[in-house]
């Protein structure tokens, strides 16, 4: 990554700050090369004090010298932002959107800009352990591709896909995935408390169990069913618990939840289809 690139993050929320942190801590981007733009002055002041970056409440002014523009606004806010920036981006600028449902075509038309990357990170990016899936229609392996890859790698692991359709799938699996994990963690802790464990002890037990299970899986690289069978003795406690989970439709509930997230991601994209930038 060139130390002379200027970065503008439009939408300085949780994910916007995660990108700022990743650029500074993981890629050694000078803070003075980063600008956060958004309407809330108090939020901009908070980021300025914490990260010593530049800030601007005017999106158009914030992108004037940008080499990279990162869109991290809510899907409902994107049409207004695209209308504001339509035809005003520096010609050489790379645009990276992490807006759920926003397709490459809609971004290119809405911004009147060709060099666009669509990415879907997740919240563990805040601690450098994110999973980002991304796609574009740029030159494969070109300078812009490599720049985007380096930026997204600052958030954790990244996977480039040639088929944009995979982004909606990634949104449902990894993008929304932390919510499923946190809900499962919460349920396990509450169940332990219900049994009579102090909450502090239940939390420590559950978190270490999940952490250890992931580490064990990474080390063995076996199919999850094989690892599960290793801890499921005939007529044992695991067998009883798994029987009940299967009886209650555990797998089906997860599958349907992910399908619902996938469908919603597609709906968000369709809601932005074929919009005339002059009428947004």
Protein backbone atom coordinates (compact mmCIF):
# COMPACT_ATOMS: atom_id res chain seq x y z
CA UNK A 1 0.00 0.00 0.00
CA UNK A 2 1.36 3.39 -0.97
CA UNK A 3 1.97 5.62 2.03
CA UNK A 4 0.86 8.51 -0.15
CA UNK A 5 -2.72 7.28 -0.67
CA UNK A 6 -5.51 9.27 0.91
CA UNK A 7 -8.50 7.41 2.38
CA UNK A 8 -12.02 8.70 3.00
CA UNK A 9 -14.48 6.66 5.02
CA UNK A 10 -18.07 7.78 4.52
CA UNK A 11 -20.17 6.46 7.36
CA UNK A 12 -18.03 6.56 10.54
CA UNK A 13 -20.00 3.96 12.48
CA UNK A 14 -18.77 0.74 14.08
CA UNK A 15 -17.50 -0.81 10.84
CA UNK A 16 -16.15 2.50 9.63
CA UNK A 17 -14.06 2.78 12.77
CA UNK A 18 -12.93 -0.85 12.38
CA UNK A 19 -11.57 0.05 8.94
CA UNK A 20 -9.83 3.12 10.34
CA UNK A 21 -8.25 1.02 13.09
CA UNK A 22 -7.16 -1.65 10.62
CA UNK A 23 -5.55 0.85 8.27
CA UNK A 24 -3.61 2.50 11.07
CA UNK A 25 -2.64 -0.53 13.18
CA UNK A 26 -2.27 -3.25 10.55
CA UNK A 27 -1.15 -1.30 7.48
CA UNK A 28 0.69 1.61 9.11
CA UNK A 29 -1.33 4.19 7.18
CA UNK A 30 -0.54 7.66 8.58
CA UNK A 31 -3.56 9.04 10.44
CA UNK A 32 -3.32 12.31 8.53
CA UNK A 33 -4.05 10.36 5.33
CA UNK A 34 -7.45 9.24 6.63
CA UNK A 35 -10.66 11.29 6.65
CA UNK A 36 -13.97 10.23 8.19
CA UNK A 37 -17.11 11.88 6.85
CA UNK A 38 -20.60 11.90 8.31
CA UNK A 39 -23.35 14.18 9.58
CA UNK A 40 -22.87 13.72 13.35
CA UNK A 41 -20.31 16.21 14.64
CA UNK A 42 -19.95 14.55 18.04
CA UNK A 43 -19.09 11.22 16.42
CA UNK A 44 -16.52 12.84 14.16
CA UNK A 45 -14.95 14.62 17.11
CA UNK A 46 -14.77 11.31 18.99
CA UNK A 47 -12.90 9.65 16.11
CA UNK A 48 -10.63 12.64 15.64
CA UNK A 49 -9.60 12.58 19.28
CA UNK A 50 -9.13 8.80 19.38
CA UNK A 51 -7.34 8.22 16.07
CA UNK A 52 -6.04 11.72 15.20
CA UNK A 53 -7.58 11.50 11.72
CA UNK A 54 -9.19 14.21 9.66
CA UNK A 55 -12.97 14.64 9.67
CA UNK A 56 -15.55 16.43 7.55
CA UNK A 57 -19.31 16.76 7.68
CA UNK A 58 -19.38 17.42 3.93
CA UNK A 59 -19.08 14.17 1.95
CA UNK A 60 -18.22 15.91 -1.31
CA UNK A 61 -15.46 17.96 0.27
CA UNK A 62 -14.12 14.85 2.04
CA UNK A 63 -13.52 12.95 -1.23
CA UNK A 64 -11.80 15.68 -3.22
CA UNK A 65 -8.27 14.34 -2.67
CA UNK A 66 -9.19 10.72 -1.97
CA UNK A 67 -7.44 7.81 -3.64
CA UNK A 68 -9.73 5.36 -1.85
CA UNK A 69 -13.34 6.02 -0.82
CA UNK A 70 -14.97 3.49 1.50
CA UNK A 71 -18.75 3.50 1.82
CA UNK A 72 -19.92 2.12 5.17
CA UNK A 73 -23.33 3.73 5.51
CA UNK A 74 -26.63 2.00 6.28
CA UNK A 75 -28.40 0.57 3.20
CA UNK A 76 -31.24 3.03 3.66
CA UNK A 77 -28.79 5.95 3.52
CA UNK A 78 -26.93 4.80 0.41
CA UNK A 79 -29.24 6.28 -2.26
CA UNK A 80 -28.86 9.77 -0.78
CA UNK A 81 -25.08 9.37 -0.50
CA UNK A 82 -24.78 8.14 -4.10
CA UNK A 83 -26.86 11.06 -5.32
CA UNK A 84 -24.60 13.44 -3.42
CA UNK A 85 -21.41 11.91 -4.85
CA UNK A 86 -22.71 11.20 -8.37
CA UNK A 87 -20.07 12.22 -10.90
CA UNK A 88 -17.93 13.94 -8.27
CA UNK A 89 -15.46 11.21 -7.33
CA UNK A 90 -11.81 11.70 -8.40
CA UNK A 91 -11.33 9.72 -11.64
CA UNK A 92 -8.53 7.57 -10.20
CA UNK A 93 -10.30 6.80 -6.92
CA UNK A 94 -11.07 3.24 -5.87
CA UNK A 95 -14.47 2.86 -4.22
CA UNK A 96 -15.02 0.04 -1.72
CA UNK A 97 -18.59 -0.48 -0.54
CA UNK A 98 -19.46 -2.59 2.49
CA UNK A 99 -23.15 -1.69 2.24
CA UNK A 100 -25.35 -4.79 2.46
CA UNK A 101 -27.25 -5.53 -0.75
CA UNK A 102 -25.66 -2.79 -2.85
CA UNK A 103 -24.69 -4.39 -6.17
CA UNK A 104 -21.73 -3.42 -8.31
CA UNK A 105 -24.05 -2.26 -11.07
CA UNK A 106 -26.10 -0.06 -8.77
CA UNK A 107 -22.98 1.43 -7.22
CA UNK A 108 -21.39 2.15 -10.59
CA UNK A 109 -24.56 3.79 -11.92
CA UNK A 110 -25.43 5.62 -8.72
CA UNK A 111 -21.93 7.05 -8.35
CA UNK A 112 -21.17 7.39 -12.07
CA UNK A 113 -17.87 5.67 -11.34
CA UNK A 114 -16.40 2.45 -12.73
CA UNK A 115 -13.73 1.41 -10.20
CA UNK A 116 -15.97 -0.15 -7.57
CA UNK A 117 -15.44 -3.04 -5.17
CA UNK A 118 -18.26 -4.69 -3.26
CA UNK A 119 -17.26 -6.27 0.06
CA UNK A 120 -18.98 -7.88 3.02
CA UNK A 121 -16.93 -7.92 6.25
CA UNK A 122 -18.26 -8.87 9.68
CA UNK A 123 -18.00 -7.39 13.15
CA UNK A 124 -14.89 -9.34 14.32
CA UNK A 125 -13.08 -6.99 11.94
CA UNK A 126 -13.06 -4.65 14.94
CA UNK A 127 -10.39 -6.85 16.52
CA UNK A 128 -8.59 -7.79 13.30
CA UNK A 129 -10.30 -11.19 13.10
CA UNK A 130 -12.95 -10.42 10.50
CA UNK A 131 -14.03 -12.45 7.49
CA UNK A 132 -14.50 -10.37 4.35
CA UNK A 133 -15.77 -11.68 1.02
CA UNK A 134 -15.41 -9.30 -1.93
CA UNK A 135 -15.93 -8.96 -5.66
CA UNK A 136 -15.38 -6.45 -8.45
CA UNK A 137 -15.30 -6.01 -12.22
CA UNK A 138 -11.82 -4.47 -12.28
CA UNK A 139 -8.78 -5.89 -14.01
CA UNK A 140 -8.00 -9.18 -12.21
CA UNK A 141 -4.72 -8.87 -10.37
CA UNK A 142 -4.34 -5.22 -11.33
CA UNK A 143 -3.18 -2.40 -9.08
CA UNK A 144 -6.70 -1.58 -7.87
CA UNK A 145 -7.36 -5.25 -7.10
CA UNK A 146 -4.18 -5.48 -5.05
CA UNK A 147 -4.94 -2.24 -3.22
CA UNK A 148 -8.43 -3.46 -2.31
CA UNK A 149 -7.02 -6.78 -1.13
CA UNK A 150 -4.48 -5.08 1.11
CA UNK A 151 -7.13 -2.81 2.64
CA UNK A 152 -9.55 -5.64 3.34
CA UNK A 153 -6.76 -7.83 4.73
CA UNK A 154 -6.33 -5.21 7.45
CA UNK A 155 -9.67 -6.41 8.85
CA UNK A 156 -8.69 -10.09 9.13
CA UNK A 157 -9.07 -12.77 6.47
CA UNK A 158 -10.41 -11.97 3.00
CA UNK A 159 -11.72 -14.06 0.12
CA UNK A 160 -12.04 -12.69 -3.41
CA UNK A 161 -14.85 -14.23 -5.46
CA UNK A 162 -15.42 -13.83 -9.18
CA UNK A 163 -19.18 -14.33 -8.89
CA UNK A 164 -20.91 -11.36 -7.29
CA UNK A 165 -23.84 -13.58 -6.32
CA UNK A 166 -21.63 -15.08 -3.62
CA UNK A 167 -21.67 -11.76 -1.76
CA UNK A 168 -25.33 -12.10 -0.77
CA UNK A 169 -24.57 -15.65 0.35
CA UNK A 170 -21.60 -14.42 2.37
CA UNK A 171 -23.81 -11.74 3.91
CA UNK A 172 -26.11 -14.47 5.21
CA UNK A 173 -23.37 -16.82 6.43
CA UNK A 174 -20.36 -14.79 7.62
CA UNK A 175 -21.67 -11.23 7.55
CA UNK A 176 -24.60 -12.07 9.82
CA UNK A 177 -22.81 -15.06 11.34
CA UNK A 178 -21.53 -13.36 14.50
CA UNK A 179 -25.14 -12.67 15.51
CA UNK A 180 -25.87 -16.41 15.39
CA UNK A 181 -22.75 -17.18 17.40
CA UNK A 182 -23.53 -14.57 20.05
CA UNK A 183 -27.10 -15.83 20.34
CA UNK A 184 -25.81 -19.39 20.79
CA UNK A 185 -23.29 -18.22 23.40
CA UNK A 186 -26.05 -16.33 25.23
CA UNK A 187 -28.30 -19.40 25.18
CA UNK A 188 -25.56 -21.67 26.56
CA UNK A 189 -24.74 -19.21 29.35
CA UNK A 190 -28.40 -18.77 30.29
CA UNK A 191 -28.87 -22.54 30.31
CA UNK A 192 -25.93 -22.89 32.69
CA UNK A 193 -27.39 -20.23 34.96
CA UNK A 194 -30.73 -22.04 34.83
CA UNK A 195 -28.97 -25.19 36.04
CA UNK A 196 -27.58 -23.26 39.00
CA UNK A 197 -24.15 -22.06 37.86
CA UNK A 198 -23.09 -18.52 38.77
CA UNK A 199 -23.21 -16.40 35.62
CA UNK A 200 -19.51 -15.55 35.87
CA UNK A 201 -18.57 -19.22 35.88
CA UNK A 202 -21.06 -20.10 33.13
CA UNK A 203 -19.63 -17.36 30.89
CA UNK A 204 -16.05 -18.53 31.37
CA UNK A 205 -17.00 -22.15 30.72
CA UNK A 206 -18.94 -21.38 27.55
CA UNK A 207 -16.40 -18.99 26.03
CA UNK A 208 -13.47 -21.34 26.62
CA UNK A 209 -15.47 -24.29 25.29
CA UNK A 210 -16.18 -22.44 22.04
CA UNK A 211 -12.63 -21.11 21.75
CA UNK A 212 -11.18 -24.56 22.40
CA UNK A 213 -13.57 -26.26 19.99
CA UNK A 214 -12.59 -23.89 17.16
CA UNK A 215 -8.89 -24.41 17.89
CA UNK A 216 -9.38 -28.19 17.95
CA UNK A 217 -11.23 -28.06 14.63
CA UNK A 218 -8.51 -25.92 13.03
CA UNK A 219 -5.82 -28.31 14.19
CA UNK A 220 -7.58 -31.47 13.04
CA UNK A 221 -9.26 -30.22 9.85
CA UNK A 222 -11.68 -33.14 10.04
CA UNK A 223 -15.32 -33.04 9.03
CA UNK A 224 -17.38 -31.51 11.88
CA UNK A 225 -19.52 -34.65 12.04
CA UNK A 226 -16.43 -36.76 12.76
CA UNK A 227 -15.33 -34.45 15.57
CA UNK A 228 -18.84 -34.45 16.99
CA UNK A 229 -18.93 -38.24 16.93
CA UNK A 230 -15.69 -38.33 18.92
CA UNK A 231 -17.43 -36.69 21.88
CA UNK A 232 -20.75 -38.51 21.48
CA UNK A 233 -20.64 -41.77 23.43
CA UNK A 234 -23.45 -44.30 22.96
CA UNK A 235 -26.31 -43.50 25.33
CA UNK A 236 -24.21 -40.71 26.84
CA UNK A 237 -24.98 -37.11 27.75
CA UNK A 238 -23.93 -35.71 24.35
CA UNK A 239 -26.11 -38.26 22.55
CA UNK A 240 -29.10 -37.27 24.67
CA UNK A 241 -28.53 -33.56 24.05
CA UNK A 242 -27.99 -33.93 20.29
CA UNK A 243 -31.07 -36.14 19.96
CA UNK A 244 -33.15 -33.37 21.51
CA UNK A 245 -31.59 -30.67 19.32
CA UNK A 246 -32.31 -32.70 16.19
CA UNK A 247 -35.84 -33.44 17.39
CA UNK A 248 -36.45 -29.70 17.83
CA UNK A 249 -35.21 -28.92 14.31
CA UNK A 250 -31.90 -27.31 15.24
CA UNK A 251 -30.34 -27.69 11.79
CA UNK A 252 -33.51 -26.63 10.02
CA UNK A 253 -33.82 -23.52 12.16
CA UNK A 254 -30.24 -22.49 11.31
CA UNK A 255 -30.74 -23.19 7.63
CA UNK A 256 -33.96 -21.20 7.51
CA UNK A 257 -32.41 -18.31 9.44
CA UNK A 258 -29.53 -18.08 6.96
CA UNK A 259 -31.96 -18.30 4.05
CA UNK A 260 -33.98 -15.44 5.57
CA UNK A 261 -30.81 -13.32 5.83
CA UNK A 262 -29.89 -14.21 2.23
CA UNK A 263 -33.35 -13.24 0.99
CA UNK A 264 -33.22 -9.96 2.89
CA UNK A 265 -29.83 -9.13 1.38
CA UNK A 266 -31.27 -9.64 -2.10
CA UNK A 267 -34.29 -7.49 -1.23
CA UNK A 268 -32.01 -4.66 -0.13
CA UNK A 269 -30.26 -4.84 -3.49
CA UNK A 270 -33.49 -4.88 -5.47
CA UNK A 271 -34.65 -1.83 -3.57
CA UNK A 272 -31.79 0.09 -5.18
CA UNK A 273 -32.11 -1.32 -8.69
CA UNK A 274 -32.44 0.99 -11.65
CA UNK A 275 -32.74 4.16 -9.61
CA UNK A 276 -32.15 7.36 -11.51
CA UNK A 277 -29.42 9.24 -9.60
CA UNK A 278 -31.18 12.52 -10.40
CA UNK A 279 -34.30 11.27 -8.60
CA UNK A 280 -32.71 9.60 -5.59
